[in-house]
Amino acid sequence: MTMLRIQLTSEDVQRLRMVHTLGPVAEAVFALHRFGRDRARSGVGWHKSVRDRLGDDLPAINEVASEYRDLPDLLWLLERDGIGANSVPSAVRARARRLAQVVFLFCSAGVLPYWPRMQARLENERDMRGRIAITNGVEFLLAGLHPKVTWESSELRISSSLDLDIKPAGRGLILSPSLFLPDKTCVLVRSERQSGVPALIFSTPLDLNDLEAPLEESEDEGDRALAALVGATRAAALRALSESGTTGDLSGRLGISLSGASKQATVLREAGLITTLRNRTTAMHTLTPLGLALLQGELPAEITRLVGTPDDPGNPWVG
């Protein structure tokens, strides 16, 4: 049996971290693969809604989904280096750019409309795993991470079509759940785009019909209330920073430019909703207690009246 082996030093274990997602583009890569694989369900639920949203772009999506039947063929989209500018012919680079454009297009139809709900589920998965690690230790977490994963002698072993040894060499490892990965599947991104650290992504159960179910009233009202106070764009940025991240992380999670992410972070910081710690050229953003309270719908009414709403002239939060 072929095996992917990730050899973790004590320093790697110390730097191991779990995130709730690598972002909507990562989920779009897995969702595109699932969309192409489950052709029998094309007329119902999530599949039908995505097809309807794609409209005239559907043939381009179907072409890519048919051509890239093996998931590993798409994983380079999540790598830091992708396809290097000097390592491949220009025709191959042009094809790669076209593939990336199709994935982003699919992301807008198949992932972003469901992103708030998906994030909530992924955050719950991350939090549950975090409690396991706190209660029983990191080794217990790794040993029970996934049916395809075993932990033995400082080595994560994953059943895979690849026979490969990975040595993070002190960089650590990112663990991330995914809703769209096929059941009982794990994949490795050797150098995650934002951090450059290896990322092991594992499937967590998802009934696609749940994505099309009506939102719970409290969830819907909470989203509307947050958007009403700070505006939809700021609300999305605040949610994206529910797990601390750099400006690059924020850019990737929202699918916007670095300059746009920097602008959103500046406004949230000036409003007292996040703090920013700078280390040379990197800025790490973290929610303040006020930002967390706002995100959880616990902001006191007195503060809400003080800061106003998007309809108030001069409200600096909205944009």
C-alpha atoms as a PDB file:
ATOM      1  CA  MET A   1       0.000   0.000   0.000  1.00  0.00           C
ATOM      2  CA  THR A   2       1.379   3.406  -0.955  1.00  0.00           C
ATOM      3  CA  MET A   3       1.664   5.880   1.864  1.00  0.00           C
ATOM      4  CA  LEU A   4       2.209   9.587   2.384  1.00  0.00           C
ATOM      5  CA  ARG A   5       4.445  10.050   5.419  1.00  0.00           C
ATOM      6  CA  ILE A   6       4.804  13.375   7.251  1.00  0.00           C
ATOM      7  CA  GLN A   7       7.741  13.248   9.636  1.00  0.00           C
ATOM      8  CA  LEU A   8       7.262  15.733  12.477  1.00  0.00           C
ATOM      9  CA  THR A   9      10.046  16.875  14.772  1.00  0.00           C
ATOM     10  CA  SER A  10       9.296  18.164  18.279  1.00  0.00           C
ATOM     11  CA  GLU A  11       9.595  21.688  16.856  1.00  0.00           C
ATOM     12  CA  ASP A  12       7.046  20.840  14.159  1.00  0.00           C
ATOM     13  CA  VAL A  13       4.616  19.575  16.799  1.00  0.00           C
ATOM     14  CA  GLN A  14       5.079  22.787  18.784  1.00  0.00           C
ATOM     15  CA  ARG A  15       4.268  24.815  15.671  1.00  0.00           C
ATOM     16  CA  LEU A  16       1.318  22.663  14.631  1.00  0.00           C
ATOM     17  CA  ARG A  17      -1.885  24.665  14.317  1.00  0.00           C
ATOM     18  CA  MET A  18      -5.421  24.041  13.186  1.00  0.00           C
ATOM     19  CA  VAL A  19      -7.418  26.494  11.108  1.00  0.00           C
ATOM     20  CA  HIS A  20     -11.074  26.187  10.232  1.00  0.00           C
ATOM     21  CA  THR A  21     -10.450  26.623   6.506  1.00  0.00           C
ATOM     22  CA  LEU A  22      -7.833  27.519   3.920  1.00  0.00           C
ATOM     23  CA  GLY A  23     -10.430  29.849   2.410  1.00  0.00           C
ATOM     24  CA  PRO A  24     -13.203  29.814  -0.196  1.00  0.00           C
ATOM     25  CA  VAL A  25     -10.837  29.197  -3.121  1.00  0.00           C
ATOM     26  CA  ALA A  26      -9.544  26.017  -1.462  1.00  0.00           C
ATOM     27  CA  GLU A  27     -13.105  24.832  -0.919  1.00  0.00           C
ATOM     28  CA  ALA A  28     -13.878  25.740  -4.546  1.00  0.00           C
ATOM     29  CA  VAL A  29     -11.097  23.425  -5.756  1.00  0.00           C
ATOM     30  CA  PHE A  30     -12.620  20.531  -3.834  1.00  0.00           C
ATOM     31  CA  ALA A  31     -16.183  21.558  -4.730  1.00  0.00           C
ATOM     32  CA  LEU A  32     -15.337  21.673  -8.451  1.00  0.00           C
ATOM     33  CA  HIS A  33     -13.960  18.149  -8.222  1.00  0.00           C
ATOM     34  CA  ARG A  34     -17.141  17.001  -6.474  1.00  0.00           C
ATOM     35  CA  PHE A  35     -19.344  18.841  -8.965  1.00  0.00           C
ATOM     36  CA  GLY A  36     -17.727  16.979 -11.854  1.00  0.00           C
ATOM     37  CA  ARG A  37     -17.786  13.622 -10.093  1.00  0.00           C
ATOM     38  CA  ASP A  38     -21.463  13.669  -9.039  1.00  0.00           C
ATOM     39  CA  ARG A  39     -23.029  14.172 -12.468  1.00  0.00           C
ATOM     40  CA  ALA A  40     -26.017  11.996 -11.510  1.00  0.00           C
ATOM     41  CA  ARG A  41     -27.121  14.692  -9.034  1.00  0.00           C
ATOM     42  CA  SER A  42     -26.904  17.566 -11.505  1.00  0.00           C
ATOM     43  CA  GLY A  43     -30.638  18.246 -11.401  1.00  0.00           C
ATOM     44  CA  VAL A  44     -31.156  18.539  -7.648  1.00  0.00           C
ATOM     45  CA  GLY A  45     -30.083  20.573  -4.626  1.00  0.00           C
ATOM     46  CA  TRP A  46     -26.684  22.260  -4.592  1.00  0.00           C
ATOM     47  CA  HIS A  47     -25.731  20.901  -8.012  1.00  0.00           C
ATOM     48  CA  LYS A  48     -28.813  22.411  -9.654  1.00  0.00           C
ATOM     49  CA  SER A  49     -28.384  25.770  -7.908  1.00  0.00           C
ATOM     50  CA  VAL A  50     -24.750  25.976  -9.024  1.00  0.00           C
ATOM     51  CA  ARG A  51     -25.656  25.086 -12.611  1.00  0.00           C
ATOM     52  CA  ASP A  52     -28.349  27.755 -12.621  1.00  0.00           C
ATOM     53  CA  ARG A  53     -25.948  30.408 -11.305  1.00  0.00           C
ATOM     54  CA  LEU A  54     -23.252  29.504 -13.831  1.00  0.00           C
ATOM     55  CA  GLY A  55     -25.591  29.921 -16.814  1.00  0.00           C
ATOM     56  CA  ASP A  56     -23.538  30.431 -19.971  1.00  0.00           C
ATOM     57  CA  ASP A  57     -20.318  29.658 -18.082  1.00  0.00           C
ATOM     58  CA  LEU A  58     -21.393  26.069 -17.372  1.00  0.00           C
ATOM     59  CA  PRO A  59     -19.677  24.534 -20.457  1.00  0.00           C
ATOM     60  CA  ALA A  60     -16.283  25.915 -19.362  1.00  0.00           C
ATOM     61  CA  ILE A  61     -16.804  24.474 -15.872  1.00  0.00           C
ATOM     62  CA  ASN A  62     -17.857  21.080 -17.253  1.00  0.00           C
ATOM     63  CA  GLU A  63     -14.817  20.990 -19.518  1.00  0.00           C
ATOM     64  CA  VAL A  64     -12.418  21.535 -16.620  1.00  0.00           C
ATOM     65  CA  ALA A  65     -14.318  19.146 -14.334  1.00  0.00           C
ATOM     66  CA  SER A  66     -14.113  16.428 -16.993  1.00  0.00           C
ATOM     67  CA  GLU A  67     -10.446  16.983 -17.736  1.00  0.00           C
ATOM     68  CA  TYR A  68      -9.244  17.095 -14.125  1.00  0.00           C
ATOM     69  CA  ARG A  69     -10.847  13.964 -12.739  1.00  0.00           C
ATOM     70  CA  ASP A  70      -8.015  13.409 -10.231  1.00  0.00           C
ATOM     71  CA  LEU A  71      -8.006  15.848  -7.324  1.00  0.00           C
ATOM     72  CA  PRO A  72      -4.177  16.051  -7.033  1.00  0.00           C
ATOM     73  CA  ASP A  73      -4.098  17.630 -10.505  1.00  0.00           C
ATOM     74  CA  LEU A  74      -5.783  20.738  -9.037  1.00  0.00           C
ATOM     75  CA  LEU A  75      -3.861  21.069  -5.771  1.00  0.00           C
ATOM     76  CA  TRP A  76      -1.133  23.252  -7.286  1.00  0.00           C
ATOM     77  CA  LEU A  77      -3.708  26.074  -7.222  1.00  0.00           C
ATOM     78  CA  LEU A  78      -3.332  26.114  -3.429  1.00  0.00           C
ATOM     79  CA  GLU A  79       0.470  26.021  -3.430  1.00  0.00           C
ATOM     80  CA  ARG A  80       2.596  29.076  -2.705  1.00  0.00           C
ATOM     81  CA  ASP A  81       4.624  28.715  -5.906  1.00  0.00           C
ATOM     82  CA  GLY A  82       1.880  27.341  -8.130  1.00  0.00           C
ATOM     83  CA  ILE A  83       3.474  26.953 -11.539  1.00  0.00           C
ATOM     84  CA  GLY A  84       6.709  28.927 -11.572  1.00  0.00           C
ATOM     85  CA  ALA A  85       7.118  31.596 -14.210  1.00  0.00           C
ATOM     86  CA  ASN A  86      10.445  30.230 -15.418  1.00  0.00           C
ATOM     87  CA  SER A  87       9.860  26.513 -14.993  1.00  0.00           C
ATOM     88  CA  VAL A  88       7.287  25.807 -17.706  1.00  0.00           C
ATOM     89  CA  PRO A  89       6.564  26.918 -21.289  1.00  0.00           C
ATOM     90  CA  SER A  90       4.375  29.980 -21.798  1.00  0.00           C
ATOM     91  CA  ALA A  91       1.574  27.877 -23.313  1.00  0.00           C
ATOM     92  CA  VAL A  92       1.398  25.811 -20.123  1.00  0.00           C
ATOM     93  CA  ARG A  93       1.384  28.965 -17.988  1.00  0.00           C
ATOM     94  CA  ALA A  94      -1.475  30.379 -20.055  1.00  0.00           C
ATOM     95  CA  ARG A  95      -3.438  27.162 -19.577  1.00  0.00           C
ATOM     96  CA  ALA A  96      -2.757  27.304 -15.845  1.00  0.00           C
ATOM     97  CA  ARG A  97      -4.041  30.881 -15.648  1.00  0.00           C
ATOM     98  CA  ARG A  98      -7.177  29.828 -17.506  1.00  0.00           C
ATOM     99  CA  LEU A  99      -7.710  26.981 -15.053  1.00  0.00           C
ATOM    100  CA  ALA A 100      -7.311  29.374 -12.126  1.00  0.00           C
ATOM    101  CA  GLN A 101      -9.901  31.714 -13.673  1.00  0.00           C
ATOM    102  CA  VAL A 102     -12.372  28.847 -14.019  1.00  0.00           C
ATOM    103  CA  VAL A 103     -11.872  27.856 -10.378  1.00  0.00           C
ATOM    104  CA  PHE A 104     -12.481  31.446  -9.234  1.00  0.00           C
ATOM    105  CA  LEU A 105     -15.599  31.546 -11.404  1.00  0.00           C
ATOM    106  CA  PHE A 106     -16.836  28.336  -9.854  1.00  0.00           C
ATOM    107  CA  CYS A 107     -16.062  29.714  -6.408  1.00  0.00           C
ATOM    108  CA  SER A 108     -18.482  32.596  -6.972  1.00  0.00           C
ATOM    109  CA  ALA A 109     -21.290  30.201  -7.950  1.00  0.00           C
ATOM    110  CA  GLY A 110     -20.668  27.128  -5.815  1.00  0.00           C
ATOM    111  CA  VAL A 111     -19.044  28.348  -2.593  1.00  0.00           C
ATOM    112  CA  LEU A 112     -19.454  32.063  -1.833  1.00  0.00           C
ATOM    113  CA  PRO A 113     -23.298  31.993  -1.717  1.00  0.00           C
ATOM    114  CA  TYR A 114     -22.994  29.459   1.123  1.00  0.00           C
ATOM    115  CA  TRP A 115     -19.856  30.795   2.777  1.00  0.00           C
ATOM    116  CA  PRO A 116     -21.282  32.127   6.085  1.00  0.00           C
ATOM    117  CA  ARG A 117     -22.958  28.784   6.771  1.00  0.00           C
ATOM    118  CA  MET A 118     -19.900  26.818   5.673  1.00  0.00           C
ATOM    119  CA  GLN A 119     -17.628  28.897   7.884  1.00  0.00           C
ATOM    120  CA  ALA A 120     -19.849  28.270  10.899  1.00  0.00           C
ATOM    121  CA  ARG A 121     -19.675  24.501  10.371  1.00  0.00           C
ATOM    122  CA  LEU A 122     -15.936  24.523   9.797  1.00  0.00           C
ATOM    123  CA  GLU A 123     -15.366  26.681  12.861  1.00  0.00           C
ATOM    124  CA  ASN A 124     -17.357  24.200  14.947  1.00  0.00           C
ATOM    125  CA  GLU A 125     -15.199  21.375  13.606  1.00  0.00           C
ATOM    126  CA  ARG A 126     -12.011  23.284  14.405  1.00  0.00           C
ATOM    127  CA  ASP A 127     -13.228  24.179  17.893  1.00  0.00           C
ATOM    128  CA  MET A 128     -14.211  20.592  18.630  1.00  0.00           C
ATOM    129  CA  ARG A 129     -10.759  19.358  17.582  1.00  0.00           C
ATOM    130  CA  GLY A 130      -9.165  22.092  19.655  1.00  0.00           C
ATOM    131  CA  ARG A 131     -10.981  20.902  22.755  1.00  0.00           C
ATOM    132  CA  ILE A 132      -9.708  17.387  22.086  1.00  0.00           C
ATOM    133  CA  ALA A 133      -6.124  18.664  21.925  1.00  0.00           C
ATOM    134  CA  ILE A 134      -6.511  20.739  25.096  1.00  0.00           C
ATOM    135  CA  THR A 135      -8.075  17.864  27.027  1.00  0.00           C
ATOM    136  CA  ASN A 136      -6.016  14.921  25.772  1.00  0.00           C
ATOM    137  CA  GLY A 137      -2.931  16.370  24.090  1.00  0.00           C
ATOM    138  CA  VAL A 138      -1.728  16.896  20.522  1.00  0.00           C
ATOM    139  CA  GLU A 139      -0.739  13.257  20.000  1.00  0.00           C
ATOM    140  CA  PHE A 140      -4.289  12.135  20.856  1.00  0.00           C
ATOM    141  CA  LEU A 141      -5.613  14.686  18.346  1.00  0.00           C
ATOM    142  CA  LEU A 142      -3.315  13.388  15.616  1.00  0.00           C
ATOM    143  CA  ALA A 143      -4.082   9.742  16.358  1.00  0.00           C
ATOM    144  CA  GLY A 144      -7.831  10.317  15.909  1.00  0.00           C
ATOM    145  CA  LEU A 145      -7.681  12.963  13.209  1.00  0.00           C
ATOM    146  CA  HIS A 146      -9.181  10.969  10.355  1.00  0.00           C
ATOM    147  CA  PRO A 147      -9.851   7.349   9.278  1.00  0.00           C
ATOM    148  CA  LYS A 148      -7.103   7.625   6.645  1.00  0.00           C
ATOM    149  CA  VAL A 149      -4.505   8.933   9.119  1.00  0.00           C
ATOM    150  CA  THR A 150      -2.375   7.064  11.647  1.00  0.00           C
ATOM    151  CA  TRP A 151       0.120   8.559  14.080  1.00  0.00           C
ATOM    152  CA  GLU A 152       3.115   6.488  15.052  1.00  0.00           C
ATOM    153  CA  SER A 153       6.670   7.264  16.124  1.00  0.00           C
ATOM    154  CA  SER A 154       6.445  10.994  15.319  1.00  0.00           C
ATOM    155  CA  GLU A 155       5.123  10.242  11.850  1.00  0.00           C
ATOM    156  CA  LEU A 156       1.728  10.927  10.316  1.00  0.00           C
ATOM    157  CA  ARG A 157       0.893   8.241   7.776  1.00  0.00           C
ATOM    158  CA  ILE A 158      -1.867   8.805   5.243  1.00  0.00           C
ATOM    159  CA  SER A 159      -3.143   6.216   2.775  1.00  0.00           C
ATOM    160  CA  SER A 160      -2.505   7.802  -0.596  1.00  0.00           C
ATOM    161  CA  SER A 161      -1.820   7.185  -4.266  1.00  0.00           C
ATOM    162  CA  LEU A 162       1.557   8.835  -3.601  1.00  0.00           C
ATOM    163  CA  ASP A 163       4.501   7.119  -1.936  1.00  0.00           C
ATOM    164  CA  LEU A 164       6.222  10.137  -0.483  1.00  0.00           C
ATOM    165  CA  ASP A 165       8.090  11.391   2.590  1.00  0.00           C
ATOM    166  CA  ILE A 166       7.442  14.982   3.719  1.00  0.00           C
ATOM    167  CA  LYS A 167       9.734  16.680   6.249  1.00  0.00           C
ATOM    168  CA  PRO A 168       8.473  20.091   7.414  1.00  0.00           C
ATOM    169  CA  ALA A 169      11.877  20.566   9.112  1.00  0.00           C
ATOM    170  CA  GLY A 170      10.688  22.861  11.871  1.00  0.00           C
ATOM    171  CA  ARG A 171       8.145  24.832   9.834  1.00  0.00           C
ATOM    172  CA  GLY A 172       5.252  23.056  11.533  1.00  0.00           C
ATOM    173  CA  LEU A 173       2.056  21.769   9.988  1.00  0.00           C
ATOM    174  CA  ILE A 174      -1.387  23.246   9.340  1.00  0.00           C
ATOM    175  CA  LEU A 175      -4.441  21.057   9.863  1.00  0.00           C
ATOM    176  CA  SER A 176      -7.666  22.105   8.163  1.00  0.00           C
ATOM    177  CA  PRO A 177     -11.092  20.478   7.681  1.00  0.00           C
ATOM    178  CA  SER A 178     -12.937  20.671   4.361  1.00  0.00           C
ATOM    179  CA  LEU A 179     -16.628  20.207   3.653  1.00  0.00           C
ATOM    180  CA  PHE A 180     -16.233  19.398  -0.040  1.00  0.00           C
ATOM    181  CA  LEU A 181     -13.452  16.837   0.046  1.00  0.00           C
ATOM    182  CA  PRO A 182     -14.774  13.350  -0.803  1.00  0.00           C
ATOM    183  CA  ASP A 183     -15.628  11.300   2.280  1.00  0.00           C
ATOM    184  CA  LYS A 184     -12.691   9.669   4.053  1.00  0.00           C
ATOM    185  CA  THR A 185     -10.177  11.677   2.034  1.00  0.00           C
ATOM    186  CA  CYS A 186      -7.067  13.592   3.102  1.00  0.00           C
ATOM    187  CA  VAL A 187      -4.875  15.700   0.833  1.00  0.00           C
ATOM    188  CA  LEU A 188      -1.579  17.453   1.419  1.00  0.00           C
ATOM    189  CA  VAL A 189      -0.675  20.910   0.164  1.00  0.00           C
ATOM    190  CA  ARG A 190       3.117  20.922   0.411  1.00  0.00           C
ATOM    191  CA  SER A 191       3.489  24.694   0.754  1.00  0.00           C
ATOM    192  CA  GLU A 192       0.239  26.507   1.567  1.00  0.00           C
ATOM    193  CA  ARG A 193      -0.088  29.725  -0.427  1.00  0.00           C
ATOM    194  CA  GLN A 194      -0.242  32.233   2.445  1.00  0.00           C
ATOM    195  CA  SER A 195       2.121  30.693   5.001  1.00  0.00           C
ATOM    196  CA  GLY A 196       4.439  28.453   2.990  1.00  0.00           C
ATOM    197  CA  VAL A 197       3.814  25.717   5.588  1.00  0.00           C
ATOM    198  CA  PRO A 198       2.622  22.193   4.655  1.00  0.00           C
ATOM    199  CA  ALA A 199      -1.141  21.821   5.141  1.00  0.00           C
ATOM    200  CA  LEU A 200      -2.994  18.554   5.704  1.00  0.00           C
ATOM    201  CA  ILE A 201      -6.648  18.907   4.726  1.00  0.00           C
ATOM    202  CA  PHE A 202      -9.138  16.282   5.873  1.00  0.00           C
ATOM    203  CA  SER A 203     -12.777  15.702   5.001  1.00  0.00           C
ATOM    204  CA  THR A 204     -15.598  16.364   7.420  1.00  0.00           C
ATOM    205  CA  PRO A 205     -19.154  15.130   6.703  1.00  0.00           C
ATOM    206  CA  LEU A 206     -21.473  17.355   4.702  1.00  0.00           C
ATOM    207  CA  ASP A 207     -24.950  16.694   3.377  1.00  0.00           C
ATOM    208  CA  LEU A 208     -25.152  18.970   0.338  1.00  0.00           C
ATOM    209  CA  ASN A 209     -28.904  19.293   0.874  1.00  0.00           C
ATOM    210  CA  ASP A 210     -28.129  21.188   4.084  1.00  0.00           C
ATOM    211  CA  LEU A 211     -26.532  23.971   2.051  1.00  0.00           C
ATOM    212  CA  GLU A 212     -29.829  24.639   0.301  1.00  0.00           C
ATOM    213  CA  ALA A 213     -31.961  24.451   3.460  1.00  0.00           C
ATOM    214  CA  PRO A 214     -33.344  27.764   4.773  1.00  0.00           C
ATOM    215  CA  LEU A 215     -31.108  29.520   7.265  1.00  0.00           C
ATOM    216  CA  GLU A 216     -32.081  29.282  10.897  1.00  0.00           C
ATOM    217  CA  GLU A 217     -33.952  32.463  11.794  1.00  0.00           C
ATOM    218  CA  SER A 218     -31.467  33.419  14.513  1.00  0.00           C
ATOM    219  CA  GLU A 219     -28.518  32.886  12.177  1.00  0.00           C
ATOM    220  CA  ASP A 220     -30.178  34.938   9.436  1.00  0.00           C
ATOM    221  CA  GLU A 221     -31.125  37.739  11.818  1.00  0.00           C
ATOM    222  CA  GLY A 222     -27.649  37.791  13.330  1.00  0.00           C
ATOM    223  CA  ASP A 223     -26.040  38.174   9.915  1.00  0.00           C
ATOM    224  CA  ARG A 224     -28.450  40.959   8.999  1.00  0.00           C
ATOM    225  CA  ALA A 225     -27.888  42.770  12.273  1.00  0.00           C
ATOM    226  CA  LEU A 226     -24.111  42.693  11.900  1.00  0.00           C
ATOM    227  CA  ALA A 227     -24.306  43.846   8.271  1.00  0.00           C
ATOM    228  CA  ALA A 228     -26.760  46.587   9.253  1.00  0.00           C
ATOM    229  CA  LEU A 229     -24.317  47.939  11.806  1.00  0.00           C
ATOM    230  CA  VAL A 230     -21.002  47.812   9.974  1.00  0.00           C
ATOM    231  CA  GLY A 231     -21.989  47.083   6.361  1.00  0.00           C
ATOM    232  CA  ALA A 232     -21.749  43.803   4.463  1.00  0.00           C
ATOM    233  CA  THR A 233     -18.104  44.217   3.470  1.00  0.00           C
ATOM    234  CA  ARG A 234     -16.921  45.053   6.992  1.00  0.00           C
ATOM    235  CA  ALA A 235     -19.041  42.228   8.399  1.00  0.00           C
ATOM    236  CA  ALA A 236     -17.359  39.743   6.062  1.00  0.00           C
ATOM    237  CA  ALA A 237     -13.918  41.069   7.029  1.00  0.00           C
ATOM    238  CA  LEU A 238     -14.755  40.799  10.730  1.00  0.00           C
ATOM    239  CA  ARG A 239     -15.899  37.199  10.314  1.00  0.00           C
ATOM    240  CA  ALA A 240     -12.766  36.405   8.325  1.00  0.00           C
ATOM    241  CA  LEU A 241     -10.668  37.560  11.289  1.00  0.00           C
ATOM    242  CA  SER A 242     -12.548  35.419  13.810  1.00  0.00           C
ATOM    243  CA  GLU A 243      -9.326  33.456  13.490  1.00  0.00           C
ATOM    244  CA  SER A 244      -6.365  35.834  13.638  1.00  0.00           C
ATOM    245  CA  GLY A 245      -4.599  36.375  10.347  1.00  0.00           C
ATOM    246  CA  THR A 246      -2.287  38.558   8.312  1.00  0.00           C
ATOM    247  CA  THR A 247      -3.400  41.031   5.667  1.00  0.00           C
ATOM    248  CA  GLY A 248      -2.579  38.323   3.116  1.00  0.00           C
ATOM    249  CA  ASP A 249      -4.792  35.860   4.994  1.00  0.00           C
ATOM    250  CA  LEU A 250      -7.632  38.383   4.961  1.00  0.00           C
ATOM    251  CA  SER A 251      -7.122  38.957   1.248  1.00  0.00           C
ATOM    252  CA  GLY A 252      -7.308  35.231   0.541  1.00  0.00           C
ATOM    253  CA  ARG A 253     -10.311  34.581   2.775  1.00  0.00           C
ATOM    254  CA  LEU A 254     -12.336  37.385   1.200  1.00  0.00           C
ATOM    255  CA  GLY A 255     -11.034  36.958  -2.342  1.00  0.00           C
ATOM    256  CA  ILE A 256      -9.995  40.612  -2.599  1.00  0.00           C
ATOM    257  CA  SER A 257      -6.736  42.419  -3.345  1.00  0.00           C
ATOM    258  CA  LEU A 258      -4.067  43.040  -0.722  1.00  0.00           C
ATOM    259  CA  SER A 259      -4.750  46.775  -0.867  1.00  0.00           C
ATOM    260  CA  GLY A 260      -8.465  46.139  -0.370  1.00  0.00           C
ATOM    261  CA  ALA A 261      -7.765  43.852   2.597  1.00  0.00           C
ATOM    262  CA  SER A 262      -5.432  46.479   4.081  1.00  0.00           C
ATOM    263  CA  LYS A 263      -8.182  49.103   3.785  1.00  0.00           C
ATOM    264  CA  GLN A 264     -10.710  46.856   5.523  1.00  0.00           C
ATOM    265  CA  ALA A 265      -8.243  46.115   8.335  1.00  0.00           C
ATOM    266  CA  THR A 266      -7.476  49.818   8.792  1.00  0.00           C
ATOM    267  CA  VAL A 267     -11.138  50.736   9.235  1.00  0.00           C
ATOM    268  CA  LEU A 268     -11.775  47.855  11.646  1.00  0.00           C
ATOM    269  CA  ARG A 269      -8.695  48.827  13.652  1.00  0.00           C
ATOM    270  CA  GLU A 270      -9.695  52.494  13.820  1.00  0.00           C
ATOM    271  CA  ALA A 271     -13.130  51.388  15.037  1.00  0.00           C
ATOM    272  CA  GLY A 272     -11.499  49.412  17.856  1.00  0.00           C
ATOM    273  CA  LEU A 273     -12.659  46.036  16.519  1.00  0.00           C
ATOM    274  CA  ILE A 274      -9.216  44.546  15.817  1.00  0.00           C
ATOM    275  CA  THR A 275      -5.651  45.057  16.962  1.00  0.00           C
ATOM    276  CA  THR A 276      -2.651  44.806  14.664  1.00  0.00           C
ATOM    277  CA  LEU A 277       0.788  43.518  15.625  1.00  0.00           C
ATOM    278  CA  ARG A 278       3.528  44.292  13.111  1.00  0.00           C
ATOM    279  CA  ASN A 279       6.706  42.284  12.610  1.00  0.00           C
ATOM    280  CA  ARG A 280       8.844  43.757   9.843  1.00  0.00           C
ATOM    281  CA  THR A 281       6.687  43.520   6.712  1.00  0.00           C
ATOM    282  CA  THR A 282       3.979  41.320   8.247  1.00  0.00           C
ATOM    283  CA  ALA A 283       0.857  42.614  10.032  1.00  0.00           C
ATOM    284  CA  MET A 284      -1.093  40.160  12.205  1.00  0.00           C
ATOM    285  CA  HIS A 285      -4.700  41.138  12.949  1.00  0.00           C
ATOM    286  CA  THR A 286      -6.687  39.878  15.955  1.00  0.00           C
ATOM    287  CA  LEU A 287     -10.212  40.642  17.150  1.00  0.00           C
ATOM    288  CA  THR A 288     -10.500  42.854  20.222  1.00  0.00           C
ATOM    289  CA  PRO A 289     -13.069  41.987  22.932  1.00  0.00           C
ATOM    290  CA  LEU A 290     -15.310  44.624  21.350  1.00  0.00           C
ATOM    291  CA  GLY A 291     -14.909  43.051  17.905  1.00  0.00           C
ATOM    292  CA  LEU A 292     -15.640  39.578  19.284  1.00  0.00           C
ATOM    293  CA  ALA A 293     -18.734  40.862  21.105  1.00  0.00           C
ATOM    294  CA  LEU A 294     -19.985  42.486  17.917  1.00  0.00           C
ATOM    295  CA  LEU A 295     -19.383  39.308  15.917  1.00  0.00           C
ATOM    296  CA  GLN A 296     -21.285  37.238  18.479  1.00  0.00           C
ATOM    297  CA  GLY A 297     -24.203  39.678  18.585  1.00  0.00           C
ATOM    298  CA  GLU A 298     -23.460  40.667  22.157  1.00  0.00           C
ATOM    299  CA  LEU A 299     -22.668  44.344  21.610  1.00  0.00           C
ATOM    300  CA  PRO A 300     -24.408  46.464  24.255  1.00  0.00           C
ATOM    301  CA  ALA A 301     -27.231  48.621  22.923  1.00  0.00           C
ATOM    302  CA  GLU A 302     -25.525  51.721  24.313  1.00  0.00           C
ATOM    303  CA  ILE A 303     -22.487  51.108  22.088  1.00  0.00           C
ATOM    304  CA  THR A 304     -24.693  50.372  19.089  1.00  0.00           C
ATOM    305  CA  ARG A 305     -26.408  53.717  19.556  1.00  0.00           C
ATOM    306  CA  LEU A 306     -23.037  55.406  19.966  1.00  0.00           C
ATOM    307  CA  VAL A 307     -21.430  54.054  16.800  1.00  0.00           C
ATOM    308  CA  GLY A 308     -24.567  54.295  14.714  1.00  0.00           C
ATOM    309  CA  THR A 309     -25.563  52.328  11.623  1.00  0.00           C
ATOM    310  CA  PRO A 310     -24.745  52.517   7.903  1.00  0.00           C
ATOM    311  CA  ASP A 311     -27.558  55.025   7.460  1.00  0.00           C
ATOM    312  CA  ASP A 312     -25.852  57.514   9.785  1.00  0.00           C
ATOM    313  CA  PRO A 313     -23.815  60.200   7.974  1.00  0.00           C
ATOM    314  CA  GLY A 314     -20.108  59.920   8.543  1.00  0.00           C
ATOM    315  CA  ASN A 315     -20.185  56.396   9.980  1.00  0.00           C
ATOM    316  CA  PRO A 316     -16.548  55.304   9.382  1.00  0.00           C
ATOM    317  CA  TRP A 317     -17.283  51.580   9.668  1.00  0.00           C
ATOM    318  CA  VAL A 318     -19.189  51.200   6.463  1.00  0.00           C
ATOM    319  CA  GLY A 319     -17.660  50.785   3.063  1.00  0.00           C
END
